Protein backbone atom coordinates (compact mmCIF):
# COMPACT_ATOMS: atom_id res chain seq x y z
CA MET A 1 -0.04 0.04 -0.06
CA LYS A 2 1.26 3.59 -0.92
CA LYS A 3 2.26 5.69 1.98
CA LYS A 4 0.10 8.71 2.27
CA ASN A 5 1.76 12.14 1.86
CA ILE A 6 0.78 14.88 4.46
CA LEU A 7 2.06 18.31 4.35
CA LEU A 8 2.38 20.26 7.70
CA PHE A 9 2.38 23.94 7.27
CA ILE A 10 3.72 26.38 9.83
CA HIS A 11 4.22 30.08 9.70
CA GLU A 12 7.88 30.12 11.15
CA LEU A 13 10.67 27.99 12.26
CA THR A 14 11.42 29.44 15.77
CA TYR A 15 11.44 28.00 19.19
CA THR A 16 7.71 28.70 19.88
CA GLY A 17 4.58 26.65 20.36
CA SER A 18 3.49 25.92 16.88
CA PRO A 19 6.71 24.62 15.52
CA PHE A 20 7.10 22.36 18.66
CA SER A 21 3.54 21.00 18.35
CA THR A 22 3.92 20.47 14.61
CA LEU A 23 7.27 18.64 15.22
CA ARG A 24 5.42 16.34 17.71
CA LEU A 25 2.55 15.70 15.29
CA ALA A 26 5.10 14.93 12.40
CA ARG A 27 6.84 12.37 14.42
CA ALA A 28 3.56 10.66 15.46
CA LEU A 29 2.35 10.63 11.83
CA MET A 30 5.86 9.24 10.68
CA GLU A 31 5.49 6.60 13.26
CA SER A 32 2.15 5.62 11.98
CA GLY A 33 3.55 5.15 8.40
CA TYR A 34 2.83 8.52 6.67
CA HIS A 35 5.36 10.41 4.58
CA ILE A 36 5.68 13.90 6.13
CA GLU A 37 6.95 17.24 4.71
CA VAL A 38 6.97 20.59 6.48
CA TRP A 39 6.53 24.06 4.83
CA SER A 40 7.16 27.27 6.66
CA TYR A 41 6.69 30.87 5.48
CA ARG A 42 9.97 31.74 7.20
CA GLU A 43 13.37 30.17 7.97
CA GLY A 44 14.52 29.85 11.56
CA SER A 45 16.78 28.06 13.91
CA PHE A 46 14.17 25.49 14.80
CA ARG A 47 14.69 23.94 11.46
CA SER A 48 17.64 21.89 12.98
CA GLU A 49 14.99 20.14 15.15
CA TYR A 50 13.27 18.87 12.10
CA ASP A 51 16.50 17.95 10.46
CA GLN A 52 17.47 15.78 13.51
CA ALA A 53 14.08 14.09 13.17
CA GLY A 54 14.79 13.35 9.54
CA ILE A 55 11.77 15.58 8.42
CA ASN A 56 12.07 17.41 5.04
CA VAL A 57 11.57 21.24 5.42
CA LYS A 58 10.90 23.68 2.69
CA VAL A 59 10.61 27.49 3.11
CA ILE A 60 7.63 28.72 1.05
CA PRO A 61 7.50 32.55 1.45
CA GLU A 62 3.88 33.75 2.08
CA ASP A 63 3.99 35.80 -1.12
CA SER A 64 4.86 32.93 -3.36
CA LEU A 65 1.96 30.68 -2.34
CA ARG A 66 -0.03 31.25 -5.60
CA SER A 67 2.92 30.61 -7.77
CA LYS A 68 2.52 27.83 -10.37
CA ASP A 69 5.36 25.93 -8.81
CA VAL A 70 3.84 25.88 -5.41
CA LEU A 71 0.26 25.09 -6.79
CA HIS A 72 1.87 22.17 -8.75
CA LYS A 73 3.78 20.79 -5.66
CA ILE A 74 0.72 20.88 -3.31
CA LYS A 75 -1.01 18.35 -5.60
CA LYS A 76 1.43 15.61 -4.56
CA PHE A 77 -0.03 15.65 -1.00
CA ASP A 78 -3.14 13.63 0.25
CA LEU A 79 -3.63 15.98 3.14
CA VAL A 80 -2.52 19.48 4.28
CA ILE A 81 -2.58 20.37 7.96
CA CYS A 82 -1.98 24.09 8.71
CA ASN A 83 -1.10 24.92 12.25
CA THR A 84 -2.28 28.31 13.72
CA LEU A 85 -4.27 31.23 12.40
CA PHE A 86 -1.17 32.68 10.84
CA THR A 87 -1.24 30.15 8.14
CA ARG A 88 -4.52 31.48 6.83
CA LYS A 89 -3.18 32.21 3.33
CA ALA A 90 -1.83 28.73 3.05
CA VAL A 91 -5.26 27.32 3.93
CA GLU A 92 -6.80 29.59 1.26
CA MET A 93 -4.38 28.28 -1.29
CA ALA A 94 -4.58 24.59 -0.34
CA GLU A 95 -8.21 23.98 0.50
CA ASN A 96 -9.45 23.94 -3.13
CA ILE A 97 -6.66 21.64 -4.21
CA VAL A 98 -6.35 19.05 -1.56
CA PRO A 99 -8.20 18.16 1.73
CA THR A 100 -7.06 20.63 4.39
CA ILE A 101 -7.25 20.83 8.14
CA TRP A 102 -6.77 24.16 9.80
CA TYR A 103 -5.62 23.64 13.34
CA ILE A 104 -6.34 26.82 15.18
CA ARG A 105 -4.67 27.10 18.53
CA GLU A 106 -5.34 30.76 19.46
CA ALA A 107 -8.23 31.90 21.52
CA GLU A 108 -8.23 35.09 23.55
CA ASN A 109 -6.06 37.07 21.07
CA ILE A 110 -8.55 36.15 18.12
CA PRO A 111 -10.25 39.67 18.11
CA GLU A 112 -6.96 41.36 17.68
CA PHE A 113 -6.00 39.06 14.89
CA PHE A 114 -9.17 39.90 13.01
CA MET A 115 -9.03 43.62 13.67
CA SER A 116 -5.95 43.94 11.59
CA ASP A 117 -7.62 42.68 8.53
CA PHE A 118 -11.30 41.80 8.16
CA ARG A 119 -10.70 39.36 5.33
CA LYS A 120 -9.31 37.03 7.92
CA TYR A 121 -12.73 37.07 9.56
CA TYR A 122 -14.41 35.99 6.32
CA THR A 123 -11.88 33.21 5.84
CA LEU A 124 -13.39 31.56 8.94
CA LYS A 125 -16.92 32.65 8.79
CA GLY A 126 -19.31 29.87 7.61
CA LYS A 127 -16.80 27.20 7.93
CA GLU A 128 -16.85 24.07 10.29
CA TYR A 129 -14.09 24.02 12.85
CA LEU A 130 -12.90 22.11 15.72
CA VAL A 131 -11.49 23.67 18.83
CA CYS A 132 -9.08 21.97 21.34
CA LYS A 133 -9.95 23.93 24.52
CA ARG A 134 -12.96 25.20 26.30
CA ILE A 135 -11.76 28.74 26.28
CA CYS A 136 -11.42 28.50 22.44
CA LYS A 137 -14.95 27.21 22.22
CA ARG A 138 -16.28 30.25 24.19
CA VAL A 139 -14.30 32.74 22.12
CA TYR A 140 -15.35 31.24 18.87
CA GLN A 141 -18.92 30.99 19.81
CA GLN A 142 -18.94 34.79 20.61
CA ILE A 143 -17.34 35.76 17.31
CA PHE A 144 -19.16 33.35 15.12
């Protein structure tokens, strides 16, 4: 049976929450037999953690998401998982090409995130979403 290809998308390669949780997810998926690749908008020192785990990482700048090359490459994946609100543009690019999961971790800072650009709000409005914490559920119910 062919291994499924899963793309994990993060917004940066820093020593912060999203790259750490994505690394844990990548390891678990690899142990379950999936082929994993990670894409990030920006380079960072956390890349070495992925390198040590044997996970291929590519830096795909946010402004190149709609390039023909990126749109072609995304088609090789069976699933895309985007981690945090900050991967919104990656979600918008991938969701019409391949099944896409948007893992939203943020809760209390959501209003500030939307106030900077109302298009972000309309990206989420009307979509189904899962939340991981009670506080997230309360915040999302108030907004949507």
